[in-house]
Amino acid sequence: MTQVPRTNTFGYMNRDLDNKVGIPSPSQVVIIDIEASSLRGVSGDTHDAALLSYPVEIAVAHDNGGSQAYLIRPEPGWQDWNSEPSDEDIGAIHRISRTRLFEEGRNSRFVAEWLNEQVDGKIAMCDSPNARADLFWLDRLYEASGVERGFDVFYLYDFIALEDPDFDMAYEQAGIADETEHRAERDATEIMRLYCEFYSIKANKEFSASPSTPTL
């Protein structure tokens, strides 16, 4: 886990360039990734509070390479769990054990306050379609914590068009790993790397297309 430096990178933001590129510069963005107990409740398939999924790990990644993640200790009413067939304590996909969450997880208030600090003044993005799943789990976290969420979350691919030819190049340059096991910090870091590469490609094209300034 890498501690995010408290100094930010707003100093070199180029708003004119951002307007030309059409998306915010990476220095304005923080990527959020969440691992959860399951997907139950995200699509409205159940309204039974005991069966609703909840966040088990949340990570953030910044453009300067800083990233950080916390496991979340389940609240008393958080009973949902999608386990591996071979071990009911191990969560499917992320393979975090429920036992570990109780032993190492931070309480919901701590994580909620930390997340507000990390996103403060930036645009939070995630890769869940329309941010639906992430917003569902964030609502679960903040409702349990009693803390007011100080930010909104936007869908990454509302900013990056999947059909854009530059997307494939950015994906290749970002070196995204094809992993079946997901962890929040690694996923958030890869998503930020993808965003930075995509922005860089667009920005370089704008610089190349701009008329050169005559020398005196």
Protein backbone atom coordinates (compact mmCIF):
# COMPACT_ATOMS: atom_id res chain seq x y z
CA MET A 1 0.00 0.00 0.00
CA THR A 2 1.46 3.33 -1.07
CA GLN A 3 0.63 6.45 0.92
CA VAL A 4 -0.67 9.21 -1.35
CA PRO A 5 1.44 12.37 -1.04
CA ARG A 6 -0.54 15.27 0.36
CA THR A 7 0.79 17.71 -2.23
CA ASN A 8 -1.37 17.84 -5.35
CA THR A 9 -0.56 18.48 -8.99
CA PHE A 10 -3.04 21.25 -9.74
CA GLY A 11 -0.15 23.59 -10.54
CA TYR A 12 0.43 22.26 -14.03
CA MET A 13 -3.18 21.88 -15.12
CA ASN A 14 -3.75 23.33 -18.58
CA ARG A 15 -7.44 24.15 -18.84
CA ASP A 16 -7.15 25.28 -22.45
CA LEU A 17 -5.61 21.93 -23.35
CA ASP A 18 -8.26 20.07 -21.36
CA ASN A 19 -10.93 21.87 -23.35
CA LYS A 20 -9.27 20.86 -26.63
CA VAL A 21 -8.70 17.26 -25.57
CA GLY A 22 -12.28 17.10 -24.33
CA ILE A 23 -11.66 15.34 -21.01
CA PRO A 24 -10.22 16.46 -17.65
CA SER A 25 -6.47 16.16 -17.20
CA PRO A 26 -5.35 13.25 -15.01
CA SER A 27 -4.30 15.73 -12.33
CA GLN A 28 -7.98 16.56 -11.84
CA VAL A 29 -9.04 12.92 -11.56
CA VAL A 30 -9.01 10.26 -8.84
CA ILE A 31 -9.92 6.68 -9.70
CA ILE A 32 -11.99 4.66 -7.23
CA ASP A 33 -12.28 0.90 -7.29
CA ILE A 34 -14.40 -1.23 -4.97
CA GLU A 35 -14.48 -4.94 -4.21
CA ALA A 36 -17.73 -6.18 -2.71
CA SER A 37 -19.35 -9.14 -1.01
CA SER A 38 -21.38 -9.86 -4.17
CA LEU A 39 -23.58 -8.00 -6.66
CA ARG A 40 -26.84 -8.56 -4.78
CA GLY A 41 -29.06 -5.50 -4.65
CA VAL A 42 -27.16 -3.53 -7.28
CA SER A 43 -29.77 -4.27 -9.95
CA GLY A 44 -32.70 -4.17 -7.52
CA ASP A 45 -32.96 -7.97 -7.40
CA THR A 46 -33.46 -7.89 -3.63
CA HIS A 47 -34.47 -5.31 -1.03
CA ASP A 48 -33.85 -7.53 1.98
CA ALA A 49 -31.27 -5.58 3.98
CA ALA A 50 -29.60 -8.76 5.20
CA LEU A 51 -29.04 -9.92 1.62
CA LEU A 52 -27.73 -6.66 0.14
CA SER A 53 -24.10 -6.63 -0.96
CA TYR A 54 -21.63 -4.25 0.64
CA PRO A 55 -18.07 -2.97 0.05
CA VAL A 56 -15.23 -5.06 1.43
CA GLU A 57 -12.29 -3.09 -0.02
CA ILE A 58 -11.96 0.41 -1.48
CA ALA A 59 -8.95 1.88 -3.25
CA VAL A 60 -8.02 5.18 -4.85
CA ALA A 61 -5.35 5.95 -7.43
CA HIS A 62 -3.92 9.33 -8.39
CA ASP A 63 -2.08 10.46 -11.51
CA ASN A 64 1.21 10.89 -9.61
CA GLY A 65 1.38 7.14 -8.99
CA GLY A 66 0.07 7.32 -5.43
CA SER A 67 -2.50 4.71 -4.47
CA GLN A 68 -4.02 3.39 -1.28
CA ALA A 69 -6.60 0.81 -0.23
CA TYR A 70 -8.42 -0.25 2.91
CA LEU A 71 -10.30 -3.39 3.84
CA ILE A 72 -13.65 -2.66 5.49
CA ARG A 73 -14.88 -4.45 8.58
CA PRO A 74 -18.47 -5.63 7.95
CA GLU A 75 -21.24 -3.95 9.88
CA PRO A 76 -23.43 -6.19 12.11
CA GLY A 77 -26.23 -6.21 9.53
CA TRP A 78 -23.98 -6.98 6.57
CA GLN A 79 -24.56 -10.72 6.18
CA ASP A 80 -24.30 -11.22 2.41
CA TRP A 81 -21.32 -13.24 1.14
CA ASN A 82 -20.52 -14.82 -2.23
CA SER A 83 -17.91 -17.42 -1.41
CA GLU A 84 -15.68 -19.76 -3.35
CA PRO A 85 -17.27 -23.22 -3.73
CA SER A 86 -14.30 -24.82 -2.02
CA ASP A 87 -14.11 -22.44 0.96
CA GLU A 88 -17.09 -20.48 2.28
CA ASP A 89 -14.79 -18.00 4.07
CA ILE A 90 -13.05 -16.89 0.85
CA GLY A 91 -14.84 -14.36 -1.34
CA ALA A 92 -15.24 -15.14 -5.00
CA ILE A 93 -13.40 -12.92 -7.50
CA HIS A 94 -11.29 -10.95 -4.99
CA ARG A 95 -10.47 -13.97 -2.75
CA ILE A 96 -10.48 -11.86 0.43
CA SER A 97 -11.65 -13.86 3.40
CA ARG A 98 -14.47 -12.65 5.60
CA THR A 99 -12.31 -13.56 8.60
CA ARG A 100 -9.59 -11.20 7.36
CA LEU A 101 -12.13 -8.39 7.03
CA PHE A 102 -12.95 -8.66 10.73
CA GLU A 103 -9.29 -8.94 11.70
CA GLU A 104 -7.78 -6.23 9.46
CA GLY A 105 -10.69 -4.15 8.19
CA ARG A 106 -11.21 -0.53 9.22
CA ASN A 107 -14.59 0.65 10.43
CA SER A 108 -16.94 2.29 7.95
CA ARG A 109 -16.57 5.77 9.44
CA PHE A 110 -12.79 5.75 9.09
CA VAL A 111 -12.98 4.64 5.44
CA ALA A 112 -15.75 7.13 4.59
CA GLU A 113 -13.82 10.08 6.03
CA TRP A 114 -10.59 8.95 4.36
CA LEU A 115 -12.34 8.67 1.00
CA ASN A 116 -13.82 12.17 1.30
CA GLU A 117 -10.30 13.49 1.89
CA GLN A 118 -8.85 11.63 -1.09
CA VAL A 119 -11.48 12.86 -3.53
CA ASP A 120 -11.69 16.43 -2.22
CA GLY A 121 -11.37 18.89 -5.13
CA LYS A 122 -11.12 16.17 -7.77
CA ILE A 123 -13.37 14.27 -10.16
CA ALA A 124 -13.96 10.68 -9.02
CA MET A 125 -14.25 8.08 -11.76
CA CYS A 126 -14.86 4.34 -11.76
CA ASP A 127 -15.28 1.64 -14.39
CA SER A 128 -18.58 0.11 -13.29
CA PRO A 129 -21.24 0.84 -15.95
CA ASN A 130 -22.88 4.19 -15.23
CA ALA A 131 -21.14 3.97 -11.83
CA ARG A 132 -24.23 2.10 -10.64
CA ALA A 133 -22.52 -0.61 -8.62
CA ASP A 134 -19.95 1.71 -7.06
CA LEU A 135 -22.59 4.25 -6.07
CA PHE A 136 -24.69 1.47 -4.55
CA TRP A 137 -21.76 0.28 -2.39
CA LEU A 138 -20.72 3.83 -1.51
CA ASP A 139 -24.26 4.53 -0.34
CA ARG A 140 -24.04 1.42 1.84
CA LEU A 141 -20.73 2.61 3.29
CA TYR A 142 -21.78 6.18 3.98
CA GLU A 143 -25.18 5.24 5.37
CA ALA A 144 -23.52 2.87 7.83
CA SER A 145 -20.82 5.39 8.74
CA GLY A 146 -23.10 8.34 9.43
CA VAL A 147 -20.76 10.46 7.31
CA GLU A 148 -22.03 12.59 4.43
CA ARG A 149 -20.50 11.66 1.08
CA GLY A 150 -18.77 14.76 -0.25
CA PHE A 151 -18.47 13.77 -3.90
CA ASP A 152 -20.15 12.11 -6.85
CA VAL A 153 -18.72 9.32 -8.99
CA PHE A 154 -18.69 9.28 -12.77
CA TYR A 155 -18.43 6.43 -15.26
CA LEU A 156 -14.97 6.34 -16.84
CA TYR A 157 -16.30 5.45 -20.27
CA ASP A 158 -18.48 8.51 -20.42
CA PHE A 159 -15.13 10.27 -20.87
CA ILE A 160 -13.30 7.63 -22.90
CA ALA A 161 -15.17 6.22 -25.91
CA LEU A 162 -14.50 2.50 -26.28
CA GLU A 163 -14.85 2.80 -30.06
CA ASP A 164 -12.19 5.54 -30.20
CA PRO A 165 -9.15 4.18 -32.12
CA ASP A 166 -6.89 5.77 -29.51
CA PHE A 167 -8.43 3.59 -26.80
CA ASP A 168 -6.75 0.41 -28.10
CA MET A 169 -3.39 2.17 -28.20
CA ALA A 170 -3.85 3.53 -24.68
CA TYR A 171 -4.88 0.10 -23.40
CA GLU A 172 -1.78 -1.49 -24.90
CA GLN A 173 0.55 1.21 -23.59
CA ALA A 174 -0.99 1.00 -20.12
CA GLY A 175 -0.02 -2.68 -19.91
CA ILE A 176 -3.30 -3.82 -18.36
CA ALA A 177 -2.89 -7.28 -16.85
CA ASP A 178 -5.39 -10.00 -17.73
CA GLU A 179 -6.07 -11.23 -14.22
CA THR A 180 -9.01 -13.30 -13.04
CA GLU A 181 -8.50 -12.28 -9.40
CA HIS A 182 -9.39 -8.65 -8.69
CA ARG A 183 -8.08 -6.43 -5.93
CA ALA A 184 -9.13 -2.81 -5.58
CA GLU A 185 -5.73 -1.10 -5.43
CA ARG A 186 -4.30 -2.92 -8.42
CA ASP A 187 -7.45 -2.33 -10.46
CA ALA A 188 -7.61 1.37 -9.57
CA THR A 189 -3.94 1.82 -10.48
CA GLU A 190 -4.41 0.15 -13.86
CA ILE A 191 -7.49 2.23 -14.63
CA MET A 192 -5.61 5.43 -13.80
CA ARG A 193 -2.71 4.32 -15.98
CA LEU A 194 -5.14 3.74 -18.84
CA TYR A 195 -6.70 7.17 -18.34
CA CYS A 196 -3.28 8.87 -18.28
CA GLU A 197 -2.20 7.11 -21.47
CA PHE A 198 -5.43 8.02 -23.26
CA TYR A 199 -5.15 11.65 -22.21
CA SER A 200 -1.49 11.76 -23.26
CA ILE A 201 -2.29 10.43 -26.72
CA LYS A 202 -5.02 13.04 -27.19
CA ALA A 203 -2.86 15.85 -25.81
CA ASN A 204 0.07 14.96 -28.09
CA LYS A 205 -2.24 15.07 -31.08
CA GLU A 206 -3.42 18.52 -30.05
CA PHE A 207 0.16 19.74 -29.70
CA SER A 208 1.06 18.29 -33.09
CA ALA A 209 -1.97 19.87 -34.73
CA SER A 210 -1.39 23.31 -33.18
CA PRO A 211 0.46 25.82 -35.36
CA SER A 212 3.98 26.41 -34.12
CA THR A 213 4.77 29.73 -32.53
CA PRO A 214 7.13 31.79 -34.75
CA THR A 215 10.43 32.69 -33.20
CA LEU A 216 11.54 36.32 -33.17
